[in-house]
N, C-alpha and C. Protein backbone atom coordinates (compact mmCIF):
# COMPACT_ATOMS: atom_id res chain seq x y z
N MET A 1 57.50 86.21 87.45
CA MET A 1 58.33 87.14 86.73
C MET A 1 58.84 88.20 87.68
N SER A 2 60.14 88.43 87.69
CA SER A 2 60.74 89.42 88.58
C SER A 2 60.71 90.80 87.96
N SER A 3 60.46 91.78 88.80
CA SER A 3 60.58 93.17 88.38
C SER A 3 61.54 93.86 89.33
N LEU A 4 62.27 94.84 88.83
CA LEU A 4 63.22 95.59 89.64
C LEU A 4 62.66 96.96 89.95
N ASN A 5 62.82 97.38 91.21
CA ASN A 5 62.34 98.68 91.65
C ASN A 5 63.32 99.24 92.67
N PRO A 6 63.36 100.56 92.81
CA PRO A 6 64.21 101.13 93.85
C PRO A 6 63.75 100.65 95.23
N PHE A 7 64.70 100.44 96.10
CA PHE A 7 64.38 100.08 97.49
C PHE A 7 63.90 101.35 98.18
N GLU A 8 62.87 101.24 98.99
CA GLU A 8 62.30 102.37 99.70
C GLU A 8 62.38 102.12 101.20
N PRO A 9 62.37 103.18 102.02
CA PRO A 9 62.45 102.97 103.47
C PRO A 9 61.38 102.02 104.00
N SER A 10 60.16 102.07 103.45
CA SER A 10 59.09 101.18 103.92
C SER A 10 59.39 99.71 103.63
N ASP A 11 60.28 99.44 102.67
CA ASP A 11 60.65 98.05 102.37
C ASP A 11 61.40 97.39 103.51
N LEU A 12 61.97 98.18 104.40
CA LEU A 12 62.66 97.61 105.55
C LEU A 12 61.70 96.82 106.44
N PHE A 13 60.42 97.18 106.40
CA PHE A 13 59.43 96.48 107.22
C PHE A 13 58.97 95.18 106.58
N VAL A 14 59.03 95.08 105.25
CA VAL A 14 58.54 93.87 104.58
C VAL A 14 59.66 92.91 104.19
N THR A 15 60.89 93.26 104.51
CA THR A 15 62.02 92.38 104.20
C THR A 15 62.55 91.67 105.44
N GLN A 16 61.83 91.75 106.55
CA GLN A 16 62.31 91.11 107.77
C GLN A 16 62.39 89.60 107.62
N ASN A 17 61.48 89.00 106.84
CA ASN A 17 61.55 87.56 106.62
C ASN A 17 62.86 87.19 105.89
N ILE A 18 63.37 88.08 105.07
CA ILE A 18 64.64 87.85 104.38
C ILE A 18 65.80 88.07 105.34
N ASN A 19 65.74 89.16 106.10
CA ASN A 19 66.85 89.51 106.98
C ASN A 19 67.02 88.57 108.16
N LEU A 20 65.99 87.83 108.52
CA LEU A 20 66.10 86.88 109.62
C LEU A 20 66.73 85.55 109.19
N ASP A 21 66.94 85.39 107.91
CA ASP A 21 67.54 84.17 107.40
C ASP A 21 69.02 84.10 107.81
N PRO A 22 69.52 82.93 108.20
CA PRO A 22 70.91 82.83 108.64
C PRO A 22 71.94 83.12 107.55
N PHE A 23 71.57 83.05 106.27
CA PHE A 23 72.51 83.36 105.19
C PHE A 23 72.63 84.85 104.92
N THR A 24 71.80 85.65 105.56
CA THR A 24 71.77 87.09 105.30
C THR A 24 72.51 87.84 106.38
N GLU A 25 73.39 88.72 105.96
CA GLU A 25 74.11 89.60 106.88
C GLU A 25 73.19 90.74 107.27
N ASN A 26 73.07 91.00 108.56
CA ASN A 26 72.20 92.07 109.04
C ASN A 26 73.01 93.27 109.48
N PHE A 27 72.40 94.43 109.33
CA PHE A 27 73.05 95.69 109.67
C PHE A 27 72.11 96.52 110.52
N PRO A 28 72.66 97.52 111.23
CA PRO A 28 71.78 98.44 111.96
C PRO A 28 70.93 99.25 110.99
N LEU A 29 69.80 99.74 111.47
CA LEU A 29 68.86 100.48 110.63
C LEU A 29 69.52 101.67 109.94
N PHE A 30 70.38 102.40 110.65
CA PHE A 30 71.01 103.58 110.04
C PHE A 30 71.87 103.22 108.84
N PHE A 31 72.41 101.99 108.82
CA PHE A 31 73.24 101.55 107.70
C PHE A 31 72.40 101.49 106.42
N TYR A 32 71.22 100.88 106.50
CA TYR A 32 70.33 100.81 105.35
C TYR A 32 69.90 102.21 104.90
N LEU A 33 69.55 103.06 105.87
CA LEU A 33 69.10 104.41 105.54
C LEU A 33 70.22 105.23 104.91
N GLU A 34 71.45 105.03 105.37
CA GLU A 34 72.59 105.73 104.77
C GLU A 34 72.74 105.37 103.29
N TYR A 35 72.58 104.10 102.98
CA TYR A 35 72.65 103.67 101.58
C TYR A 35 71.50 104.24 100.76
N LEU A 36 70.31 104.29 101.36
CA LEU A 36 69.16 104.86 100.66
C LEU A 36 69.37 106.33 100.35
N ILE A 37 70.03 107.05 101.24
CA ILE A 37 70.24 108.49 101.05
C ILE A 37 71.41 108.76 100.10
N PHE A 38 72.53 108.10 100.32
CA PHE A 38 73.76 108.43 99.59
C PHE A 38 74.01 107.59 98.34
N HIS A 39 73.39 106.42 98.24
CA HIS A 39 73.64 105.52 97.11
C HIS A 39 72.34 104.92 96.58
N PRO A 40 71.32 105.75 96.30
CA PRO A 40 70.02 105.19 95.93
C PRO A 40 70.03 104.39 94.61
N ASN A 41 70.93 104.72 93.69
CA ASN A 41 70.98 103.98 92.41
C ASN A 41 71.53 102.57 92.58
N TYR A 42 72.17 102.31 93.71
CA TYR A 42 72.78 101.01 93.95
C TYR A 42 72.03 100.20 95.02
N PHE A 43 70.82 100.60 95.31
CA PHE A 43 70.02 99.90 96.32
C PHE A 43 68.65 99.65 95.70
N PHE A 44 68.42 98.42 95.27
CA PHE A 44 67.14 98.09 94.64
C PHE A 44 66.71 96.68 95.01
N LYS A 45 65.45 96.40 94.71
CA LYS A 45 64.83 95.14 95.10
C LYS A 45 64.24 94.43 93.90
N SER A 46 64.09 93.14 94.02
CA SER A 46 63.32 92.37 93.04
C SER A 46 61.99 92.03 93.68
N SER A 47 60.95 92.08 92.88
CA SER A 47 59.61 91.78 93.38
C SER A 47 58.96 90.76 92.47
N GLU A 48 58.10 89.95 93.06
CA GLU A 48 57.35 88.94 92.31
C GLU A 48 55.87 89.27 92.43
N THR A 49 55.15 89.08 91.35
CA THR A 49 53.72 89.35 91.33
C THR A 49 52.96 88.05 91.53
N SER A 50 52.04 88.07 92.48
CA SER A 50 51.16 86.93 92.73
C SER A 50 49.74 87.33 92.39
N ASN A 51 49.04 86.47 91.70
CA ASN A 51 47.64 86.71 91.36
C ASN A 51 46.75 85.96 92.35
N TYR A 52 46.00 86.72 93.14
CA TYR A 52 45.05 86.09 94.06
C TYR A 52 43.74 85.80 93.34
N THR A 53 43.32 86.73 92.53
CA THR A 53 42.11 86.56 91.71
C THR A 53 42.41 87.21 90.37
N ASP A 54 41.46 87.24 89.50
CA ASP A 54 41.65 87.90 88.21
C ASP A 54 41.88 89.40 88.36
N TYR A 55 41.40 89.97 89.47
CA TYR A 55 41.46 91.42 89.64
C TYR A 55 42.43 91.87 90.73
N ASN A 56 42.92 90.94 91.52
CA ASN A 56 43.73 91.30 92.67
C ASN A 56 45.14 90.70 92.55
N THR A 57 46.11 91.55 92.48
CA THR A 57 47.50 91.07 92.43
C THR A 57 48.25 91.63 93.64
N HIS A 58 49.36 90.97 93.96
CA HIS A 58 50.16 91.36 95.13
C HIS A 58 51.63 91.30 94.74
N GLN A 59 52.40 92.31 95.12
CA GLN A 59 53.85 92.32 94.90
C GLN A 59 54.53 91.87 96.19
N ARG A 60 55.44 90.93 96.07
CA ARG A 60 56.21 90.45 97.22
C ARG A 60 57.68 90.66 96.92
N VAL A 61 58.41 91.25 97.85
CA VAL A 61 59.85 91.45 97.69
C VAL A 61 60.53 90.09 97.75
N SER A 62 61.24 89.73 96.68
CA SER A 62 61.91 88.43 96.64
C SER A 62 63.40 88.54 96.96
N GLY A 63 63.95 89.75 96.94
CA GLY A 63 65.35 89.94 97.27
C GLY A 63 65.75 91.38 97.10
N TYR A 64 66.97 91.68 97.52
CA TYR A 64 67.48 93.03 97.33
C TYR A 64 68.99 93.01 97.24
N ILE A 65 69.52 94.10 96.71
CA ILE A 65 70.97 94.30 96.63
C ILE A 65 71.25 95.74 97.02
N MET A 66 72.30 95.94 97.80
CA MET A 66 72.70 97.31 98.11
C MET A 66 74.20 97.43 97.97
N GLY A 67 74.60 98.55 97.41
CA GLY A 67 76.01 98.78 97.18
C GLY A 67 76.30 100.26 97.02
N LYS A 68 77.52 100.54 96.56
CA LYS A 68 77.95 101.92 96.41
C LYS A 68 79.14 101.97 95.47
N VAL A 69 79.51 103.18 95.09
CA VAL A 69 80.73 103.42 94.33
C VAL A 69 81.72 104.06 95.29
N GLU A 70 82.97 103.59 95.25
CA GLU A 70 83.98 104.14 96.16
C GLU A 70 85.34 104.17 95.49
N GLY A 71 86.27 104.87 96.13
CA GLY A 71 87.63 104.97 95.63
C GLY A 71 87.77 106.10 94.63
N SER A 72 89.00 106.51 94.40
CA SER A 72 89.27 107.51 93.37
C SER A 72 90.23 106.93 92.33
N GLN A 73 91.39 106.46 92.76
CA GLN A 73 92.31 105.81 91.83
C GLN A 73 91.82 104.40 91.51
N GLU A 74 91.31 103.69 92.52
CA GLU A 74 90.73 102.36 92.33
C GLU A 74 89.20 102.51 92.32
N TYR A 75 88.69 103.26 91.37
CA TYR A 75 87.28 103.58 91.26
C TYR A 75 86.50 102.30 90.94
N HIS A 76 85.64 101.89 91.87
CA HIS A 76 84.94 100.63 91.70
C HIS A 76 83.59 100.66 92.43
N SER A 77 82.77 99.67 92.13
CA SER A 77 81.51 99.47 92.85
C SER A 77 81.73 98.40 93.90
N HIS A 78 81.05 98.57 95.00
CA HIS A 78 81.14 97.60 96.09
C HIS A 78 79.74 97.11 96.44
N ILE A 79 79.55 95.80 96.48
CA ILE A 79 78.28 95.22 96.90
C ILE A 79 78.36 94.95 98.39
N SER A 80 77.51 95.63 99.15
CA SER A 80 77.50 95.46 100.60
C SER A 80 76.59 94.31 101.03
N ALA A 81 75.52 94.09 100.29
CA ALA A 81 74.60 92.99 100.62
C ALA A 81 73.81 92.59 99.38
N VAL A 82 73.62 91.31 99.24
CA VAL A 82 72.70 90.77 98.24
C VAL A 82 72.06 89.54 98.89
N THR A 83 70.75 89.51 98.87
CA THR A 83 70.06 88.41 99.53
C THR A 83 68.73 88.13 98.85
N ILE A 84 68.32 86.88 98.95
CA ILE A 84 67.08 86.42 98.32
C ILE A 84 66.22 85.72 99.37
N ASP A 85 64.93 85.98 99.33
CA ASP A 85 63.97 85.28 100.19
C ASP A 85 64.11 83.78 99.92
N LYS A 86 64.08 82.96 100.96
CA LYS A 86 64.29 81.52 100.79
C LYS A 86 63.26 80.88 99.86
N MET A 87 62.07 81.49 99.73
CA MET A 87 61.05 80.96 98.81
C MET A 87 61.46 81.11 97.35
N TYR A 88 62.40 82.02 97.07
CA TYR A 88 62.76 82.32 95.68
C TYR A 88 64.21 81.96 95.35
N ARG A 89 64.83 81.18 96.19
CA ARG A 89 66.21 80.78 95.92
C ARG A 89 66.24 79.71 94.83
N ARG A 90 67.37 79.65 94.16
CA ARG A 90 67.64 78.64 93.12
C ARG A 90 66.82 78.85 91.84
N VAL A 91 66.31 80.08 91.65
CA VAL A 91 65.63 80.39 90.39
C VAL A 91 66.36 81.54 89.68
N LYS A 92 67.60 81.78 90.10
CA LYS A 92 68.52 82.73 89.46
C LYS A 92 68.10 84.19 89.56
N ILE A 93 67.36 84.54 90.60
CA ILE A 93 67.03 85.95 90.81
C ILE A 93 68.28 86.74 91.15
N SER A 94 69.13 86.18 92.01
CA SER A 94 70.34 86.92 92.41
C SER A 94 71.29 87.10 91.23
N SER A 95 71.53 86.04 90.47
CA SER A 95 72.51 86.15 89.38
C SER A 95 71.94 86.81 88.13
N ASN A 96 70.75 86.43 87.72
CA ASN A 96 70.19 86.93 86.46
C ASN A 96 69.48 88.26 86.59
N VAL A 97 69.08 88.62 87.78
CA VAL A 97 68.32 89.86 87.96
C VAL A 97 69.14 90.89 88.73
N LEU A 98 69.39 90.64 90.01
CA LEU A 98 70.02 91.64 90.86
C LEU A 98 71.48 91.90 90.49
N LEU A 99 72.30 90.86 90.45
CA LEU A 99 73.73 91.05 90.16
C LEU A 99 73.97 91.53 88.73
N ASP A 100 73.16 91.05 87.80
CA ASP A 100 73.30 91.48 86.41
C ASP A 100 72.97 92.97 86.26
N CYS A 101 71.90 93.41 86.90
CA CYS A 101 71.54 94.83 86.84
C CYS A 101 72.60 95.69 87.52
N PHE A 102 73.10 95.24 88.65
CA PHE A 102 74.15 95.97 89.37
C PHE A 102 75.40 96.12 88.48
N LYS A 103 75.72 95.05 87.77
CA LYS A 103 76.88 95.08 86.87
C LYS A 103 76.65 96.07 85.72
N LYS A 104 75.46 96.07 85.15
CA LYS A 104 75.17 96.99 84.05
C LYS A 104 75.23 98.44 84.51
N ILE A 105 74.68 98.73 85.68
CA ILE A 105 74.75 100.09 86.22
C ILE A 105 76.21 100.49 86.44
N SER A 106 76.99 99.60 87.01
CA SER A 106 78.40 99.88 87.30
C SER A 106 79.20 100.09 86.02
N ASP A 107 78.95 99.27 85.02
CA ASP A 107 79.75 99.29 83.80
C ASP A 107 79.36 100.44 82.87
N HIS A 108 78.07 100.68 82.71
CA HIS A 108 77.63 101.62 81.69
C HIS A 108 77.26 103.01 82.21
N ILE A 109 76.85 103.10 83.46
CA ILE A 109 76.46 104.41 83.99
C ILE A 109 77.59 105.00 84.82
N SER A 110 78.09 104.24 85.80
CA SER A 110 79.15 104.75 86.67
C SER A 110 80.54 104.62 86.06
N LYS A 111 80.69 103.71 85.10
CA LYS A 111 81.96 103.48 84.40
C LYS A 111 83.12 103.19 85.36
N VAL A 112 82.86 102.26 86.28
CA VAL A 112 83.89 101.85 87.22
C VAL A 112 84.75 100.75 86.60
N LYS A 113 85.87 100.43 87.27
CA LYS A 113 86.78 99.42 86.75
C LYS A 113 86.39 98.00 87.14
N PHE A 114 85.89 97.83 88.36
CA PHE A 114 85.54 96.49 88.82
C PHE A 114 84.47 96.59 89.90
N ILE A 115 83.89 95.44 90.23
CA ILE A 115 82.95 95.32 91.33
C ILE A 115 83.59 94.37 92.33
N ASP A 116 83.49 94.73 93.61
CA ASP A 116 83.98 93.80 94.63
C ASP A 116 82.91 93.54 95.67
N LEU A 117 83.08 92.45 96.40
CA LEU A 117 82.19 92.07 97.50
C LEU A 117 82.97 91.18 98.43
N PHE A 118 82.48 91.04 99.64
CA PHE A 118 83.10 90.16 100.62
C PHE A 118 82.12 89.06 100.97
N VAL A 119 82.60 87.83 101.02
CA VAL A 119 81.74 86.69 101.34
C VAL A 119 82.49 85.80 102.32
N LYS A 120 81.73 85.28 103.31
CA LYS A 120 82.35 84.40 104.30
C LYS A 120 82.97 83.20 103.58
N CYS A 121 84.13 82.82 104.04
CA CYS A 121 84.84 81.70 103.40
C CYS A 121 84.08 80.38 103.52
N ASP A 122 83.21 80.27 104.51
CA ASP A 122 82.46 79.02 104.65
C ASP A 122 81.09 79.05 103.96
N ASN A 123 80.77 80.12 103.25
CA ASN A 123 79.51 80.22 102.53
C ASN A 123 79.70 79.65 101.12
N LEU A 124 79.72 78.34 101.04
CA LEU A 124 80.05 77.66 99.79
C LEU A 124 79.02 77.90 98.68
N LEU A 125 77.74 78.05 99.05
CA LEU A 125 76.72 78.33 98.03
C LEU A 125 76.97 79.68 97.37
N ALA A 126 77.25 80.69 98.18
CA ALA A 126 77.50 82.03 97.62
C ALA A 126 78.79 82.02 96.80
N LEU A 127 79.84 81.38 97.31
CA LEU A 127 81.10 81.30 96.56
C LEU A 127 80.87 80.66 95.19
N SER A 128 80.12 79.60 95.17
CA SER A 128 79.84 78.91 93.91
C SER A 128 79.06 79.81 92.95
N LEU A 129 78.06 80.50 93.46
CA LEU A 129 77.28 81.41 92.63
C LEU A 129 78.17 82.49 92.03
N TYR A 130 78.96 83.16 92.86
CA TYR A 130 79.80 84.25 92.37
C TYR A 130 80.83 83.76 91.35
N GLU A 131 81.42 82.59 91.60
CA GLU A 131 82.39 82.06 90.66
C GLU A 131 81.74 81.71 89.32
N LYS A 132 80.51 81.19 89.34
CA LYS A 132 79.81 80.85 88.11
C LYS A 132 79.56 82.06 87.23
N ILE A 133 79.36 83.22 87.84
CA ILE A 133 79.06 84.41 87.04
C ILE A 133 80.30 85.28 86.80
N GLY A 134 81.48 84.76 87.17
CA GLY A 134 82.71 85.42 86.76
C GLY A 134 83.53 86.10 87.84
N TYR A 135 83.08 86.09 89.09
CA TYR A 135 83.86 86.69 90.17
C TYR A 135 85.05 85.79 90.49
N LYS A 136 86.17 86.42 90.85
CA LYS A 136 87.39 85.69 91.23
C LYS A 136 87.81 86.16 92.62
N VAL A 137 88.42 85.25 93.38
CA VAL A 137 88.93 85.61 94.69
C VAL A 137 90.20 86.44 94.50
N PHE A 138 90.18 87.64 95.06
CA PHE A 138 91.33 88.54 94.99
C PHE A 138 92.27 88.31 96.17
N ARG A 139 91.68 88.12 97.37
CA ARG A 139 92.47 87.88 98.58
C ARG A 139 91.56 87.39 99.69
N ARG A 140 92.18 86.83 100.70
CA ARG A 140 91.47 86.40 101.91
C ARG A 140 91.67 87.48 102.97
N VAL A 141 90.56 87.96 103.54
CA VAL A 141 90.62 88.99 104.56
C VAL A 141 90.45 88.32 105.92
N VAL A 142 91.55 88.28 106.66
CA VAL A 142 91.60 87.58 107.94
C VAL A 142 90.79 88.34 108.98
N GLY A 143 89.85 87.65 109.61
CA GLY A 143 89.06 88.23 110.69
C GLY A 143 88.07 89.29 110.25
N TYR A 144 87.65 89.28 109.00
CA TYR A 144 86.72 90.30 108.50
C TYR A 144 85.42 90.31 109.31
N TYR A 145 84.93 89.14 109.72
CA TYR A 145 83.68 89.04 110.47
C TYR A 145 83.93 88.85 111.97
N ASP A 146 85.13 89.07 112.44
CA ASP A 146 85.49 88.91 113.85
C ASP A 146 85.19 90.21 114.59
N VAL A 147 84.26 90.17 115.53
CA VAL A 147 83.89 91.36 116.27
C VAL A 147 84.69 91.49 117.58
N ASN A 148 85.59 90.57 117.84
CA ASN A 148 86.30 90.55 119.11
C ASN A 148 87.58 91.36 119.12
N GLY A 149 87.82 92.14 118.12
CA GLY A 149 88.97 93.03 118.20
C GLY A 149 90.13 92.65 117.32
N PRO A 150 91.35 92.80 117.85
CA PRO A 150 92.55 92.69 117.01
C PRO A 150 92.67 91.34 116.31
N GLN A 151 93.11 91.43 115.08
CA GLN A 151 93.33 90.22 114.30
C GLN A 151 94.83 90.00 114.14
N ASN A 152 95.15 88.80 113.73
CA ASN A 152 96.55 88.44 113.58
C ASN A 152 96.71 87.65 112.30
N LEU A 153 97.57 88.12 111.42
CA LEU A 153 97.79 87.41 110.14
C LEU A 153 98.41 86.04 110.34
N LYS A 154 99.05 85.81 111.48
CA LYS A 154 99.71 84.52 111.71
C LYS A 154 98.77 83.45 112.22
N ARG A 155 97.55 83.82 112.58
CA ARG A 155 96.63 82.82 113.10
C ARG A 155 96.17 81.91 111.96
N PRO A 156 95.72 80.70 112.28
CA PRO A 156 95.24 79.78 111.23
C PRO A 156 93.95 80.30 110.60
N ASN A 157 93.67 79.82 109.41
CA ASN A 157 92.44 80.22 108.72
C ASN A 157 91.22 79.82 109.53
N ASP A 158 90.25 80.72 109.59
CA ASP A 158 88.97 80.43 110.23
C ASP A 158 87.88 80.82 109.23
N ASP A 159 87.33 79.82 108.56
CA ASP A 159 86.37 80.07 107.48
C ASP A 159 85.11 80.79 107.94
N ALA A 160 84.78 80.71 109.24
CA ALA A 160 83.58 81.39 109.74
C ALA A 160 83.84 82.87 110.03
N LEU A 161 85.09 83.25 110.24
CA LEU A 161 85.43 84.65 110.55
C LEU A 161 86.13 85.37 109.42
N ASP A 162 86.73 84.63 108.50
CA ASP A 162 87.44 85.24 107.39
C ASP A 162 86.50 85.43 106.20
N ALA A 163 86.88 86.34 105.32
CA ALA A 163 86.09 86.60 104.11
C ALA A 163 86.99 86.57 102.90
N PHE A 164 86.42 86.18 101.78
CA PHE A 164 87.11 86.33 100.51
C PHE A 164 86.68 87.66 99.90
N ASP A 165 87.66 88.45 99.48
CA ASP A 165 87.41 89.66 98.70
C ASP A 165 87.31 89.17 97.26
N MET A 166 86.10 89.19 96.72
CA MET A 166 85.89 88.69 95.36
C MET A 166 85.65 89.87 94.43
N ARG A 167 86.14 89.75 93.20
CA ARG A 167 86.03 90.84 92.23
C ARG A 167 85.66 90.30 90.85
N ILE A 168 84.99 91.18 90.12
CA ILE A 168 84.75 90.92 88.71
C ILE A 168 85.24 92.15 87.96
N SER A 169 86.05 91.91 86.97
CA SER A 169 86.64 92.98 86.17
C SER A 169 85.62 93.46 85.14
N LEU A 170 85.52 94.78 84.97
CA LEU A 170 84.60 95.35 83.99
C LEU A 170 85.36 95.82 82.76
N GLU A 171 84.63 96.34 81.81
CA GLU A 171 85.14 96.67 80.48
C GLU A 171 86.45 97.47 80.48
N ARG A 172 86.54 98.52 81.28
CA ARG A 172 87.70 99.42 81.22
C ARG A 172 88.86 98.96 82.10
N ASP A 173 88.73 97.84 82.76
CA ASP A 173 89.76 97.38 83.70
C ASP A 173 90.83 96.50 83.06
N ASN A 174 90.47 95.74 82.05
CA ASN A 174 91.40 94.80 81.39
C ASN A 174 92.03 93.81 82.35
N GLY A 175 91.29 93.40 83.38
CA GLY A 175 91.79 92.40 84.31
C GLY A 175 92.82 92.88 85.30
N GLU A 176 93.14 94.17 85.31
CA GLU A 176 94.17 94.70 86.21
C GLU A 176 93.80 94.51 87.68
N SER A 177 92.54 94.65 88.01
CA SER A 177 92.12 94.59 89.41
C SER A 177 92.11 93.16 89.96
N LEU A 178 92.32 92.17 89.10
CA LEU A 178 92.30 90.78 89.54
C LEU A 178 93.69 90.22 89.82
N LYS A 179 94.73 91.03 89.63
CA LYS A 179 96.09 90.54 89.78
C LYS A 179 96.50 90.53 91.25
N ASN A 180 96.30 89.41 91.89
CA ASN A 180 96.71 89.19 93.27
C ASN A 180 96.83 87.69 93.46
N GLY A 181 97.15 87.26 94.65
CA GLY A 181 97.40 85.85 94.91
C GLY A 181 96.17 85.00 95.12
N GLY A 182 94.98 85.56 95.00
CA GLY A 182 93.77 84.78 95.19
C GLY A 182 93.63 84.30 96.62
N LYS A 183 93.19 83.06 96.79
CA LYS A 183 92.92 82.52 98.13
C LYS A 183 94.16 82.44 99.00
N ASN A 184 95.34 82.44 98.40
CA ASN A 184 96.58 82.34 99.18
C ASN A 184 97.10 83.70 99.65
N SER A 185 96.55 84.78 99.14
CA SER A 185 96.95 86.12 99.56
C SER A 185 96.10 86.52 100.76
N ARG A 186 96.77 86.93 101.85
CA ARG A 186 96.04 87.25 103.08
C ARG A 186 96.32 88.69 103.49
N CYS A 187 95.29 89.34 104.04
CA CYS A 187 95.46 90.67 104.61
C CYS A 187 94.48 90.83 105.77
N LEU A 188 94.68 91.86 106.57
CA LEU A 188 93.78 92.16 107.67
C LEU A 188 92.71 93.13 107.21
N ALA A 189 91.58 93.10 107.87
CA ALA A 189 90.46 93.96 107.49
C ALA A 189 90.84 95.44 107.54
N GLU A 190 91.62 95.83 108.54
CA GLU A 190 91.98 97.25 108.66
C GLU A 190 92.94 97.72 107.57
N ASN A 191 93.52 96.78 106.82
CA ASN A 191 94.43 97.16 105.73
C ASN A 191 93.73 97.35 104.38
N ILE A 192 92.40 97.18 104.37
CA ILE A 192 91.66 97.36 103.13
C ILE A 192 91.29 98.84 103.01
N VAL A 193 92.02 99.53 102.16
CA VAL A 193 91.79 100.97 101.92
C VAL A 193 91.79 101.18 100.43
N PHE A 194 90.78 101.89 99.94
CA PHE A 194 90.72 102.22 98.52
C PHE A 194 91.00 103.70 98.36
N THR A 195 92.04 104.01 97.60
CA THR A 195 92.40 105.42 97.40
C THR A 195 91.76 105.97 96.16
């Protein structure tokens, strides 16, 4: 049974098994701490309870999600990372626990219009998961994961370096934030600005 709890700085030491997984995007330590300080309501973990004996139980972090609220005119939540320990994949912790809670916080507490996230174009498992729970591709971001510098919109698609900007419309949005060309609409990473 999964339980949700706020992510704490000490959790950075027990989530290394998750962060070393090739499906997980890693960030510098200050990035995680910045989210803990400035966006604590949007950074939480799922934990699983294991019974060693009748009297001894152990909590193990099974996954986490971190995000934030941004924009003023395009007021929305952004998911920066969501990941699950490989031992707990395919049991719907990400969709039924983490993403669902993030959506409820965004919709009912922060009252944002939509939630967005970026996912590598070649991460077919993640794309499938997000599409099943209602996310739609808003646009393709050319070179989003390219660390080598300038990008070019005229270059061919590179699924390992490009990302899909995926969105789910919330109650007060009426689908307005989803009106774009989907996978055929392309932009550069530096052109993504939320006002």
